[in-house]
Amino acid sequence: MAQCYDDDFRLLAAALPPELKASSDDLKQVIRRFNRMRPDYLIQPIDNAECAAFLGKTPAALRVARSRGYGPPGFAEVEGLGWYYPSRLHVLTWLAEQIEQAALEPSEKKEVA
């Protein structure tokens, strides 16, 4: 059974309007506003299960994606605690980069065609 994370990280992700998928600059503004409200929240490490839930994947699917180079980088063992991503902000930054890359790909394909 999947573990549920009833916290602000998932609420933040669920509340993002669709237009943020087209522009990482807008996503960055949302992150900055949220960070002003809860400055410590975004810098806390997150584990594989929480990251997977945020990204809409199962923990196993995220492990596979990470092993193939498609998941957020930086997953490392924290001695005595287990395996974690450095922070929620780290994952959101990676997500913003993915959005930027996805926005560039259609125009790159048009130039090549």
C-alpha atoms as a PDB file:
ATOM      1  CA  MET A   1       0.000   0.000   0.000  1.00  0.00           C
ATOM      2  CA  ALA A   2       1.376   3.421  -0.979  1.00  0.00           C
ATOM      3  CA  GLN A   3       2.138   5.853   1.774  1.00  0.00           C
ATOM      4  CA  CYS A   4       0.210   9.143   1.628  1.00  0.00           C
ATOM      5  CA  TYR A   5       1.814  12.502   2.244  1.00  0.00           C
ATOM      6  CA  ASP A   6      -0.793  14.931   3.461  1.00  0.00           C
ATOM      7  CA  ASP A   7       1.368  18.019   3.484  1.00  0.00           C
ATOM      8  CA  ASP A   8       1.871  21.328   1.751  1.00  0.00           C
ATOM      9  CA  PHE A   9       4.209  19.911  -0.914  1.00  0.00           C
ATOM     10  CA  ARG A  10       1.447  17.873  -2.533  1.00  0.00           C
ATOM     11  CA  LEU A  11      -1.059  20.680  -2.014  1.00  0.00           C
ATOM     12  CA  LEU A  12       1.341  23.074  -3.725  1.00  0.00           C
ATOM     13  CA  ALA A  13       1.730  20.705  -6.670  1.00  0.00           C
ATOM     14  CA  ALA A  14      -2.019  20.133  -6.951  1.00  0.00           C
ATOM     15  CA  ALA A  15      -2.720  23.859  -6.884  1.00  0.00           C
ATOM     16  CA  LEU A  16      -0.386  24.728  -9.736  1.00  0.00           C
ATOM     17  CA  PRO A  17      -2.400  26.074 -12.664  1.00  0.00           C
ATOM     18  CA  PRO A  18      -1.925  24.431 -16.091  1.00  0.00           C
ATOM     19  CA  GLU A  19      -0.192  27.491 -17.537  1.00  0.00           C
ATOM     20  CA  LEU A  20       2.791  26.837 -15.269  1.00  0.00           C
ATOM     21  CA  LYS A  21       3.561  23.821 -17.407  1.00  0.00           C
ATOM     22  CA  ALA A  22       4.396  26.195 -20.255  1.00  0.00           C
ATOM     23  CA  SER A  23       6.701  28.523 -18.333  1.00  0.00           C
ATOM     24  CA  SER A  24       9.199  27.690 -15.635  1.00  0.00           C
ATOM     25  CA  ASP A  25       9.492  31.417 -14.817  1.00  0.00           C
ATOM     26  CA  ASP A  26       5.907  31.359 -13.512  1.00  0.00           C
ATOM     27  CA  LEU A  27       6.684  28.222 -11.502  1.00  0.00           C
ATOM     28  CA  LYS A  28       9.709  29.951  -9.994  1.00  0.00           C
ATOM     29  CA  GLN A  29       7.506  32.873  -8.898  1.00  0.00           C
ATOM     30  CA  VAL A  30       5.091  30.486  -7.173  1.00  0.00           C
ATOM     31  CA  ILE A  31       8.019  28.822  -5.399  1.00  0.00           C
ATOM     32  CA  ARG A  32       9.380  32.193  -4.255  1.00  0.00           C
ATOM     33  CA  ARG A  33       5.987  33.260  -2.846  1.00  0.00           C
ATOM     34  CA  PHE A  34       5.567  29.946  -1.039  1.00  0.00           C
ATOM     35  CA  ASN A  35       9.112  30.186   0.320  1.00  0.00           C
ATOM     36  CA  ARG A  36       8.329  33.553   1.906  1.00  0.00           C
ATOM     37  CA  MET A  37       5.452  31.940   3.824  1.00  0.00           C
ATOM     38  CA  ARG A  38       7.404  28.858   4.991  1.00  0.00           C
ATOM     39  CA  PRO A  39      11.130  29.453   4.504  1.00  0.00           C
ATOM     40  CA  ASP A  40      12.297  26.167   6.050  1.00  0.00           C
ATOM     41  CA  TYR A  41       9.841  23.928   4.227  1.00  0.00           C
ATOM     42  CA  LEU A  42      11.451  23.871   0.796  1.00  0.00           C
ATOM     43  CA  ILE A  43      14.943  23.136   2.107  1.00  0.00           C
ATOM     44  CA  GLN A  44      13.958  19.982   3.995  1.00  0.00           C
ATOM     45  CA  PRO A  45      15.144  16.688   2.450  1.00  0.00           C
ATOM     46  CA  ILE A  46      12.530  14.330   0.994  1.00  0.00           C
ATOM     47  CA  ASP A  47      12.610  10.589   0.520  1.00  0.00           C
ATOM     48  CA  ASN A  48      11.883   8.571  -2.607  1.00  0.00           C
ATOM     49  CA  ALA A  49       8.241   7.901  -1.687  1.00  0.00           C
ATOM     50  CA  GLU A  50       7.406  11.566  -1.088  1.00  0.00           C
ATOM     51  CA  CYS A  51       9.168  12.637  -4.278  1.00  0.00           C
ATOM     52  CA  ALA A  52       7.332   9.950  -6.236  1.00  0.00           C
ATOM     53  CA  ALA A  53       3.980  11.059  -4.826  1.00  0.00           C
ATOM     54  CA  PHE A  54       4.724  14.662  -5.787  1.00  0.00           C
ATOM     55  CA  LEU A  55       5.668  13.665  -9.329  1.00  0.00           C
ATOM     56  CA  GLY A  56       2.632  11.389  -9.688  1.00  0.00           C
ATOM     57  CA  LYS A  57       4.689   8.196  -9.874  1.00  0.00           C
ATOM     58  CA  THR A  58       5.039   5.126  -7.733  1.00  0.00           C
ATOM     59  CA  PRO A  59       8.277   4.839  -5.734  1.00  0.00           C
ATOM     60  CA  ALA A  60       9.287   1.896  -7.954  1.00  0.00           C
ATOM     61  CA  ALA A  61       8.652   3.888 -11.138  1.00  0.00           C
ATOM     62  CA  LEU A  62      10.749   6.758  -9.791  1.00  0.00           C
ATOM     63  CA  ARG A  63      13.597   4.345  -8.976  1.00  0.00           C
ATOM     64  CA  VAL A  64      13.496   3.012 -12.538  1.00  0.00           C
ATOM     65  CA  ALA A  65      13.375   6.526 -14.017  1.00  0.00           C
ATOM     66  CA  ARG A  66      16.299   7.579 -11.838  1.00  0.00           C
ATOM     67  CA  SER A  67      18.325   4.527 -12.890  1.00  0.00           C
ATOM     68  CA  ARG A  68      17.727   5.453 -16.543  1.00  0.00           C
ATOM     69  CA  GLY A  69      18.685   9.090 -15.975  1.00  0.00           C
ATOM     70  CA  TYR A  70      15.144  10.491 -16.190  1.00  0.00           C
ATOM     71  CA  GLY A  71      14.520  11.286 -12.525  1.00  0.00           C
ATOM     72  CA  PRO A  72      15.676  14.117 -10.300  1.00  0.00           C
ATOM     73  CA  PRO A  73      19.415  13.920  -9.562  1.00  0.00           C
ATOM     74  CA  GLY A  74      20.984  14.127  -6.120  1.00  0.00           C
ATOM     75  CA  PHE A  75      19.447  11.073  -4.476  1.00  0.00           C
ATOM     76  CA  ALA A  76      21.957  10.088  -1.799  1.00  0.00           C
ATOM     77  CA  GLU A  77      22.233   8.227   1.467  1.00  0.00           C
ATOM     78  CA  VAL A  78      22.059  10.300   4.632  1.00  0.00           C
ATOM     79  CA  GLU A  79      23.942   8.367   7.274  1.00  0.00           C
ATOM     80  CA  GLY A  80      21.591   6.929   9.859  1.00  0.00           C
ATOM     81  CA  LEU A  81      18.465   8.161   8.081  1.00  0.00           C
ATOM     82  CA  GLY A  82      18.269   6.461   4.695  1.00  0.00           C
ATOM     83  CA  TRP A  83      18.106   7.697   1.118  1.00  0.00           C
ATOM     84  CA  TYR A  84      16.884  11.228   0.364  1.00  0.00           C
ATOM     85  CA  TYR A  85      16.838  13.993  -2.216  1.00  0.00           C
ATOM     86  CA  PRO A  86      18.668  17.075  -0.893  1.00  0.00           C
ATOM     87  CA  SER A  87      15.482  19.165  -0.596  1.00  0.00           C
ATOM     88  CA  ARG A  88      12.021  19.817  -1.919  1.00  0.00           C
ATOM     89  CA  LEU A  89      13.489  22.862  -3.662  1.00  0.00           C
ATOM     90  CA  HIS A  90      16.028  20.629  -5.388  1.00  0.00           C
ATOM     91  CA  VAL A  91      13.206  18.542  -6.868  1.00  0.00           C
ATOM     92  CA  LEU A  92      11.204  21.635  -7.852  1.00  0.00           C
ATOM     93  CA  THR A  93      14.284  23.138  -9.526  1.00  0.00           C
ATOM     94  CA  TRP A  94      14.745  19.935 -11.505  1.00  0.00           C
ATOM     95  CA  LEU A  95      11.057  20.043 -12.446  1.00  0.00           C
ATOM     96  CA  ALA A  96      11.401  23.667 -13.646  1.00  0.00           C
ATOM     97  CA  GLU A  97      14.352  22.602 -15.811  1.00  0.00           C
ATOM     98  CA  GLN A  98      12.243  19.789 -17.291  1.00  0.00           C
ATOM     99  CA  ILE A  99       9.491  22.297 -18.102  1.00  0.00           C
ATOM    100  CA  GLU A 100      12.008  24.609 -19.797  1.00  0.00           C
ATOM    101  CA  GLN A 101      13.426  21.716 -21.821  1.00  0.00           C
ATOM    102  CA  ALA A 102       9.973  20.507 -22.864  1.00  0.00           C
ATOM    103  CA  ALA A 103       9.060  24.026 -23.987  1.00  0.00           C
ATOM    104  CA  LEU A 104      12.182  24.176 -26.181  1.00  0.00           C
ATOM    105  CA  GLU A 105      11.754  20.787 -27.817  1.00  0.00           C
ATOM    106  CA  PRO A 106       8.812  21.643 -30.139  1.00  0.00           C
ATOM    107  CA  SER A 107      10.621  24.675 -31.578  1.00  0.00           C
ATOM    108  CA  GLU A 108      13.812  22.660 -32.034  1.00  0.00           C
ATOM    109  CA  LYS A 109      11.843  20.024 -33.944  1.00  0.00           C
ATOM    110  CA  LYS A 110      10.312  22.689 -36.229  1.00  0.00           C
ATOM    111  CA  GLU A 111      13.748  24.110 -37.042  1.00  0.00           C
ATOM    112  CA  VAL A 112      15.069  20.666 -37.992  1.00  0.00           C
ATOM    113  CA  ALA A 113      12.047  19.761 -40.154  1.00  0.00           C
END
